[in-house]
Amino acid sequence: MSVAARLREAKKLPQRGASLPELLTALMVTGLLLAMVAALFVQTGKIGTASIQNGRAASQAGNIMNAIETPVRVASNVVISGGTSPAVQEAKQDGFTLLALTDVAAGDSVNAATKYQFFVTTAGELKVTVCGVSITSVGISTPSSCNSPRTRVAGSGLTSTAIFTYNDSSGNAIAFSSGAIAAGSLKNIASITVTASVVSGTGQTPVAINTTIPMPNLGLSSTS
């Protein structure tokens, strides 16, 4: 049989399509593949979101420590008539107030200083108020008399307000009395420990902070 004859015979054969079972199988396989691809995209999106949120938490933790560390390290006792006023004016679990001197000499009647007030809000924000104060022979101005106070949010995402502990020269924590360090013990504070967790987003792994900051200007040995 010639080639032309074979082609004519082939054209006469019935054209057979896919059977119903074959179509159903193909649809099931296609659906399964689409579901797998969709799940992969969802999982990738979750991983990407978690990574972004963890990065934000780490950034907030860094901001919090940067805001606290420098003022604590430069805090100074204040020489006043009849004695010395401690650098740390107030020390609580959720905040503290300290002084950093700018240009102070013993015997001056009025000296300039910078006051830092740190406190953690119930919303998990660390706020810091910075202002100038006058030091007189009778002691330190009250917080309400700060000159040109400026308050800012240093960081957010804190899971607890009780993040501060205060240590003596041996590195031992000073006990709180009614939620604060007693006035008579403020002069014994040689370092401040920050222990906190920072999160950004529900269900994310918190970023931990556990750092002790020494206060070298006080002339007390401390654990760094």
C-alpha atoms as a PDB file:
ATOM      1  CA  MET A   1       0.000   0.000   0.000  1.00  0.00           C
ATOM      2  CA  SER A   2       1.263   3.381  -0.949  1.00  0.00           C
ATOM      3  CA  VAL A   3       1.874   6.164   1.511  1.00  0.00           C
ATOM      4  CA  ALA A   4      -1.068   8.101   0.158  1.00  0.00           C
ATOM      5  CA  ALA A   5      -3.321   5.105   0.648  1.00  0.00           C
ATOM      6  CA  ARG A   6      -2.142   4.682   4.236  1.00  0.00           C
ATOM      7  CA  LEU A   7      -2.931   8.329   4.972  1.00  0.00           C
ATOM      8  CA  ARG A   8      -6.406   7.956   3.515  1.00  0.00           C
ATOM      9  CA  GLU A   9      -7.047   4.876   5.658  1.00  0.00           C
ATOM     10  CA  ALA A  10      -5.786   6.696   8.777  1.00  0.00           C
ATOM     11  CA  LYS A  11      -8.211   9.538   8.188  1.00  0.00           C
ATOM     12  CA  LYS A  12     -11.060   7.047   8.141  1.00  0.00           C
ATOM     13  CA  LEU A  13     -10.239   5.821  11.695  1.00  0.00           C
ATOM     14  CA  PRO A  14     -12.494   7.233  14.444  1.00  0.00           C
ATOM     15  CA  GLN A  15     -10.926  10.018  16.555  1.00  0.00           C
ATOM     16  CA  ARG A  16     -10.833   8.891  20.192  1.00  0.00           C
ATOM     17  CA  GLY A  17     -10.840  11.515  23.045  1.00  0.00           C
ATOM     18  CA  ALA A  18     -10.108  11.111  26.767  1.00  0.00           C
ATOM     19  CA  SER A  19     -12.517   8.961  28.716  1.00  0.00           C
ATOM     20  CA  LEU A  20     -14.452  10.271  31.757  1.00  0.00           C
ATOM     21  CA  PRO A  21     -12.246   8.440  34.288  1.00  0.00           C
ATOM     22  CA  GLU A  22      -9.178   9.894  32.609  1.00  0.00           C
ATOM     23  CA  LEU A  23     -10.642  13.409  32.784  1.00  0.00           C
ATOM     24  CA  LEU A  24     -11.524  12.989  36.459  1.00  0.00           C
ATOM     25  CA  THR A  25      -8.028  11.734  37.242  1.00  0.00           C
ATOM     26  CA  ALA A  26      -6.450  14.649  35.396  1.00  0.00           C
ATOM     27  CA  LEU A  27      -8.665  17.120  37.266  1.00  0.00           C
ATOM     28  CA  MET A  28      -7.781  15.550  40.628  1.00  0.00           C
ATOM     29  CA  VAL A  29      -4.059  15.688  39.886  1.00  0.00           C
ATOM     30  CA  THR A  30      -4.344  19.295  38.715  1.00  0.00           C
ATOM     31  CA  GLY A  31      -6.293  20.258  41.849  1.00  0.00           C
ATOM     32  CA  LEU A  32      -3.739  18.556  44.064  1.00  0.00           C
ATOM     33  CA  LEU A  33      -0.876  20.386  42.380  1.00  0.00           C
ATOM     34  CA  LEU A  34      -2.675  23.724  42.704  1.00  0.00           C
ATOM     35  CA  ALA A  35      -3.338  23.074  46.399  1.00  0.00           C
ATOM     36  CA  MET A  36       0.327  22.251  46.981  1.00  0.00           C
ATOM     37  CA  VAL A  37       1.425  25.424  45.213  1.00  0.00           C
ATOM     38  CA  ALA A  38      -1.058  27.527  47.206  1.00  0.00           C
ATOM     39  CA  ALA A  39       0.117  25.988  50.496  1.00  0.00           C
ATOM     40  CA  LEU A  40       3.708  26.720  49.538  1.00  0.00           C
ATOM     41  CA  PHE A  41       2.880  30.369  48.880  1.00  0.00           C
ATOM     42  CA  VAL A  42       0.997  30.669  52.190  1.00  0.00           C
ATOM     43  CA  GLN A  43       3.843  29.094  54.161  1.00  0.00           C
ATOM     44  CA  THR A  44       6.401  31.301  52.444  1.00  0.00           C
ATOM     45  CA  GLY A  45       4.288  34.345  53.274  1.00  0.00           C
ATOM     46  CA  LYS A  46       4.053  33.329  56.940  1.00  0.00           C
ATOM     47  CA  ILE A  47       7.802  32.821  57.161  1.00  0.00           C
ATOM     48  CA  GLY A  48       8.410  36.191  55.546  1.00  0.00           C
ATOM     49  CA  THR A  49       5.973  37.945  57.904  1.00  0.00           C
ATOM     50  CA  ALA A  50       7.507  36.269  60.965  1.00  0.00           C
ATOM     51  CA  SER A  51      10.976  37.255  59.831  1.00  0.00           C
ATOM     52  CA  ILE A  52       9.913  40.884  59.379  1.00  0.00           C
ATOM     53  CA  GLN A  53       8.219  40.993  62.779  1.00  0.00           C
ATOM     54  CA  ASN A  54      11.209  39.410  64.527  1.00  0.00           C
ATOM     55  CA  GLY A  55      13.434  41.970  62.835  1.00  0.00           C
ATOM     56  CA  ARG A  56      11.207  44.763  64.106  1.00  0.00           C
ATOM     57  CA  ALA A  57      11.325  43.345  67.646  1.00  0.00           C
ATOM     58  CA  ALA A  58      15.125  43.195  67.517  1.00  0.00           C
ATOM     59  CA  SER A  59      15.196  46.784  66.286  1.00  0.00           C
ATOM     60  CA  GLN A  60      12.931  47.916  69.134  1.00  0.00           C
ATOM     61  CA  ALA A  61      15.123  46.074  71.658  1.00  0.00           C
ATOM     62  CA  GLY A  62      18.176  47.871  70.278  1.00  0.00           C
ATOM     63  CA  ASN A  63      16.415  51.239  70.478  1.00  0.00           C
ATOM     64  CA  ILE A  64      15.454  50.606  74.097  1.00  0.00           C
ATOM     65  CA  MET A  65      18.981  49.713  75.151  1.00  0.00           C
ATOM     66  CA  ASN A  66      20.527  52.615  73.233  1.00  0.00           C
ATOM     67  CA  ALA A  67      18.196  55.045  74.999  1.00  0.00           C
ATOM     68  CA  ILE A  68      19.023  53.695  78.456  1.00  0.00           C
ATOM     69  CA  GLU A  69      22.707  52.843  78.291  1.00  0.00           C
ATOM     70  CA  THR A  70      24.396  56.206  77.705  1.00  0.00           C
ATOM     71  CA  PRO A  71      22.547  58.191  80.419  1.00  0.00           C
ATOM     72  CA  VAL A  72      23.168  55.418  82.950  1.00  0.00           C
ATOM     73  CA  ARG A  73      26.880  55.281  82.161  1.00  0.00           C
ATOM     74  CA  VAL A  74      27.317  59.059  82.548  1.00  0.00           C
ATOM     75  CA  ALA A  75      25.114  59.462  85.634  1.00  0.00           C
ATOM     76  CA  SER A  76      26.831  61.375  88.430  1.00  0.00           C
ATOM     77  CA  ASN A  77      26.353  62.086  92.106  1.00  0.00           C
ATOM     78  CA  VAL A  78      25.652  65.711  92.947  1.00  0.00           C
ATOM     79  CA  VAL A  79      27.663  67.664  95.506  1.00  0.00           C
ATOM     80  CA  ILE A  80      25.389  69.865  97.595  1.00  0.00           C
ATOM     81  CA  SER A  81      25.786  71.780 100.798  1.00  0.00           C
ATOM     82  CA  GLY A  82      26.339  69.335 103.617  1.00  0.00           C
ATOM     83  CA  GLY A  83      26.796  66.221 101.515  1.00  0.00           C
ATOM     84  CA  THR A  84      26.120  64.423  98.261  1.00  0.00           C
ATOM     85  CA  SER A  85      22.853  63.755  96.497  1.00  0.00           C
ATOM     86  CA  PRO A  86      22.838  60.366  94.717  1.00  0.00           C
ATOM     87  CA  ALA A  87      22.810  60.179  90.941  1.00  0.00           C
ATOM     88  CA  VAL A  88      19.747  57.942  90.971  1.00  0.00           C
ATOM     89  CA  GLN A  89      16.934  60.057  92.374  1.00  0.00           C
ATOM     90  CA  GLU A  90      14.223  57.419  92.110  1.00  0.00           C
ATOM     91  CA  ALA A  91      14.376  53.705  91.338  1.00  0.00           C
ATOM     92  CA  LYS A  92      11.339  51.533  90.641  1.00  0.00           C
ATOM     93  CA  GLN A  93      10.722  48.284  88.796  1.00  0.00           C
ATOM     94  CA  ASP A  94       9.053  50.133  85.927  1.00  0.00           C
ATOM     95  CA  GLY A  95      11.279  53.207  85.771  1.00  0.00           C
ATOM     96  CA  PHE A  96      13.943  55.403  87.295  1.00  0.00           C
ATOM     97  CA  THR A  97      15.161  58.992  87.451  1.00  0.00           C
ATOM     98  CA  LEU A  98      18.819  59.956  87.343  1.00  0.00           C
ATOM     99  CA  LEU A  99      21.075  62.957  86.863  1.00  0.00           C
ATOM    100  CA  ALA A 100      23.999  63.567  84.552  1.00  0.00           C
ATOM    101  CA  LEU A 101      26.059  66.636  85.375  1.00  0.00           C
ATOM    102  CA  THR A 102      27.159  68.967  82.614  1.00  0.00           C
ATOM    103  CA  ASP A 103      29.384  71.567  84.283  1.00  0.00           C
ATOM    104  CA  VAL A 104      29.378  71.295  88.028  1.00  0.00           C
ATOM    105  CA  ALA A 105      32.010  72.313  90.569  1.00  0.00           C
ATOM    106  CA  ALA A 106      31.746  71.841  94.312  1.00  0.00           C
ATOM    107  CA  GLY A 107      30.702  75.056  96.025  1.00  0.00           C
ATOM    108  CA  ASP A 108      28.641  76.443  93.162  1.00  0.00           C
ATOM    109  CA  SER A 109      25.302  77.749  94.352  1.00  0.00           C
ATOM    110  CA  VAL A 110      23.482  76.858  91.146  1.00  0.00           C
ATOM    111  CA  ASN A 111      24.672  74.221  88.713  1.00  0.00           C
ATOM    112  CA  ALA A 112      23.326  72.808  85.490  1.00  0.00           C
ATOM    113  CA  ALA A 113      22.405  69.160  85.139  1.00  0.00           C
ATOM    114  CA  THR A 114      20.360  66.957  82.841  1.00  0.00           C
ATOM    115  CA  LYS A 115      17.646  64.820  84.332  1.00  0.00           C
ATOM    116  CA  TYR A 116      16.501  61.598  82.673  1.00  0.00           C
ATOM    117  CA  GLN A 117      13.251  59.936  83.641  1.00  0.00           C
ATOM    118  CA  PHE A 118      12.575  56.486  82.210  1.00  0.00           C
ATOM    119  CA  PHE A 119       9.266  54.684  82.665  1.00  0.00           C
ATOM    120  CA  VAL A 120       7.438  51.772  81.046  1.00  0.00           C
ATOM    121  CA  THR A 121       3.779  52.265  80.184  1.00  0.00           C
ATOM    122  CA  THR A 122       1.087  49.615  80.420  1.00  0.00           C
ATOM    123  CA  ALA A 123       1.046  49.662  76.607  1.00  0.00           C
ATOM    124  CA  GLY A 124       4.610  48.302  76.580  1.00  0.00           C
ATOM    125  CA  GLU A 125       6.312  51.545  75.590  1.00  0.00           C
ATOM    126  CA  LEU A 126       9.509  52.837  77.148  1.00  0.00           C
ATOM    127  CA  LYS A 127       9.217  56.600  77.482  1.00  0.00           C
ATOM    128  CA  VAL A 128      12.026  58.948  78.448  1.00  0.00           C
ATOM    129  CA  THR A 129      11.685  62.531  79.595  1.00  0.00           C
ATOM    130  CA  VAL A 130      14.797  64.705  79.385  1.00  0.00           C
ATOM    131  CA  CYS A 131      15.034  68.131  80.970  1.00  0.00           C
ATOM    132  CA  GLY A 132      17.400  70.590  82.578  1.00  0.00           C
ATOM    133  CA  VAL A 133      17.302  71.109  86.338  1.00  0.00           C
ATOM    134  CA  SER A 134      18.929  73.453  88.791  1.00  0.00           C
ATOM    135  CA  ILE A 135      20.956  72.079  91.666  1.00  0.00           C
ATOM    136  CA  THR A 136      20.968  74.282  94.751  1.00  0.00           C
ATOM    137  CA  SER A 137      22.417  74.011  98.206  1.00  0.00           C
ATOM    138  CA  VAL A 138      19.209  72.424  99.450  1.00  0.00           C
ATOM    139  CA  GLY A 139      19.144  69.632  96.919  1.00  0.00           C
ATOM    140  CA  ILE A 140      17.537  68.667  93.632  1.00  0.00           C
ATOM    141  CA  SER A 141      14.508  70.201  92.011  1.00  0.00           C
ATOM    142  CA  THR A 142      11.412  68.062  91.862  1.00  0.00           C
ATOM    143  CA  PRO A 143      10.541  66.411  88.517  1.00  0.00           C
ATOM    144  CA  SER A 144       7.690  68.874  88.002  1.00  0.00           C
ATOM    145  CA  SER A 145      10.168  71.760  87.880  1.00  0.00           C
ATOM    146  CA  CYS A 146      12.126  70.381  84.911  1.00  0.00           C
ATOM    147  CA  ASN A 147      13.153  73.077  82.483  1.00  0.00           C
ATOM    148  CA  SER A 148      11.810  72.527  78.953  1.00  0.00           C
ATOM    149  CA  PRO A 149      11.007  68.812  79.382  1.00  0.00           C
ATOM    150  CA  ARG A 150      10.979  66.667  76.258  1.00  0.00           C
ATOM    151  CA  THR A 151       9.303  63.270  76.264  1.00  0.00           C
ATOM    152  CA  ARG A 152       9.669  60.659  73.557  1.00  0.00           C
ATOM    153  CA  VAL A 153       8.960  56.980  73.038  1.00  0.00           C
ATOM    154  CA  ALA A 154      12.317  55.198  73.013  1.00  0.00           C
ATOM    155  CA  GLY A 155      10.889  51.796  72.099  1.00  0.00           C
ATOM    156  CA  SER A 156       7.815  49.595  72.224  1.00  0.00           C
ATOM    157  CA  GLY A 157       6.758  45.959  72.352  1.00  0.00           C
ATOM    158  CA  LEU A 158       7.756  45.320  75.984  1.00  0.00           C
ATOM    159  CA  THR A 159       5.800  42.432  77.486  1.00  0.00           C
ATOM    160  CA  SER A 160       6.180  43.576  81.112  1.00  0.00           C
ATOM    161  CA  THR A 161       6.509  46.873  82.971  1.00  0.00           C
ATOM    162  CA  ALA A 162       8.807  45.476  85.690  1.00  0.00           C
ATOM    163  CA  ILE A 163      12.082  45.399  83.761  1.00  0.00           C
ATOM    164  CA  PHE A 164      14.586  47.150  86.054  1.00  0.00           C
ATOM    165  CA  THR A 165      16.640  45.876  88.981  1.00  0.00           C
ATOM    166  CA  TYR A 166      19.324  47.822  90.829  1.00  0.00           C
ATOM    167  CA  ASN A 167      22.592  46.372  92.093  1.00  0.00           C
ATOM    168  CA  ASP A 168      25.116  47.340  94.749  1.00  0.00           C
ATOM    169  CA  SER A 169      28.892  47.433  94.325  1.00  0.00           C
ATOM    170  CA  SER A 170      29.072  43.642  94.762  1.00  0.00           C
ATOM    171  CA  GLY A 171      26.557  43.046  91.989  1.00  0.00           C
ATOM    172  CA  ASN A 172      23.796  42.010  94.388  1.00  0.00           C
ATOM    173  CA  ALA A 173      20.259  43.194  93.711  1.00  0.00           C
ATOM    174  CA  ILE A 174      18.990  45.802  96.159  1.00  0.00           C
ATOM    175  CA  ALA A 175      15.605  44.865  97.578  1.00  0.00           C
ATOM    176  CA  PHE A 176      12.517  46.875  96.705  1.00  0.00           C
ATOM    177  CA  SER A 177      10.302  48.355  99.384  1.00  0.00           C
ATOM    178  CA  SER A 178       6.717  48.921  98.239  1.00  0.00           C
ATOM    179  CA  GLY A 179       7.824  48.735  94.614  1.00  0.00           C
ATOM    180  CA  ALA A 180      10.748  51.152  94.908  1.00  0.00           C
ATOM    181  CA  ILE A 181      14.274  51.343  96.286  1.00  0.00           C
ATOM    182  CA  ALA A 182      14.235  53.085  99.656  1.00  0.00           C
ATOM    183  CA  ALA A 183      15.626  56.632  99.621  1.00  0.00           C
ATOM    184  CA  GLY A 184      18.434  55.645 101.976  1.00  0.00           C
ATOM    185  CA  SER A 185      19.598  52.896  99.593  1.00  0.00           C
ATOM    186  CA  LEU A 186      19.743  54.984  96.412  1.00  0.00           C
ATOM    187  CA  LYS A 187      23.364  55.930  97.128  1.00  0.00           C
ATOM    188  CA  ASN A 188      24.284  52.218  97.025  1.00  0.00           C
ATOM    189  CA  ILE A 189      23.179  51.703  93.414  1.00  0.00           C
ATOM    190  CA  ALA A 190      26.255  50.883  91.324  1.00  0.00           C
ATOM    191  CA  SER A 191      24.606  49.382  88.238  1.00  0.00           C
ATOM    192  CA  ILE A 192      21.199  48.880  86.658  1.00  0.00           C
ATOM    193  CA  THR A 193      20.041  45.616  85.098  1.00  0.00           C
ATOM    194  CA  VAL A 194      17.492  45.571  82.288  1.00  0.00           C
ATOM    195  CA  THR A 195      15.634  42.268  81.902  1.00  0.00           C
ATOM    196  CA  ALA A 196      12.879  42.362  79.320  1.00  0.00           C
ATOM    197  CA  SER A 197      11.206  40.689  76.360  1.00  0.00           C
ATOM    198  CA  VAL A 198      10.231  42.571  73.225  1.00  0.00           C
ATOM    199  CA  VAL A 199       7.722  41.333  70.644  1.00  0.00           C
ATOM    200  CA  SER A 200       6.309  42.675  67.406  1.00  0.00           C
ATOM    201  CA  GLY A 201       3.148  40.850  66.425  1.00  0.00           C
ATOM    202  CA  THR A 202       0.915  38.266  68.062  1.00  0.00           C
ATOM    203  CA  GLY A 203       2.419  34.838  68.613  1.00  0.00           C
ATOM    204  CA  GLN A 204       5.943  35.822  67.641  1.00  0.00           C
ATOM    205  CA  THR A 205       9.050  34.691  69.507  1.00  0.00           C
ATOM    206  CA  PRO A 206      10.139  37.518  71.839  1.00  0.00           C
ATOM    207  CA  VAL A 207      13.576  39.093  71.679  1.00  0.00           C
ATOM    208  CA  ALA A 208      15.196  38.900  75.120  1.00  0.00           C
ATOM    209  CA  ILE A 209      17.147  41.692  76.817  1.00  0.00           C
ATOM    210  CA  ASN A 210      19.318  40.890  79.830  1.00  0.00           C
ATOM    211  CA  THR A 211      22.004  43.519  80.301  1.00  0.00           C
ATOM    212  CA  THR A 212      23.680  45.090  83.318  1.00  0.00           C
ATOM    213  CA  ILE A 213      24.880  48.666  82.828  1.00  0.00           C
ATOM    214  CA  PRO A 214      27.597  49.943  85.186  1.00  0.00           C
ATOM    215  CA  MET A 215      27.732  53.495  86.520  1.00  0.00           C
ATOM    216  CA  PRO A 216      31.466  54.279  86.579  1.00  0.00           C
ATOM    217  CA  ASN A 217      31.127  57.956  87.538  1.00  0.00           C
ATOM    218  CA  LEU A 218      29.853  56.991  90.980  1.00  0.00           C
ATOM    219  CA  GLY A 219      33.191  55.578  92.079  1.00  0.00           C
ATOM    220  CA  LEU A 220      31.639  52.237  92.989  1.00  0.00           C
ATOM    221  CA  SER A 221      32.730  48.922  91.555  1.00  0.00           C
ATOM    222  CA  SER A 222      29.965  47.180  89.639  1.00  0.00           C
ATOM    223  CA  THR A 223      29.288  44.188  87.470  1.00  0.00           C
ATOM    224  CA  SER A 224      29.270  45.050  83.738  1.00  0.00           C
END
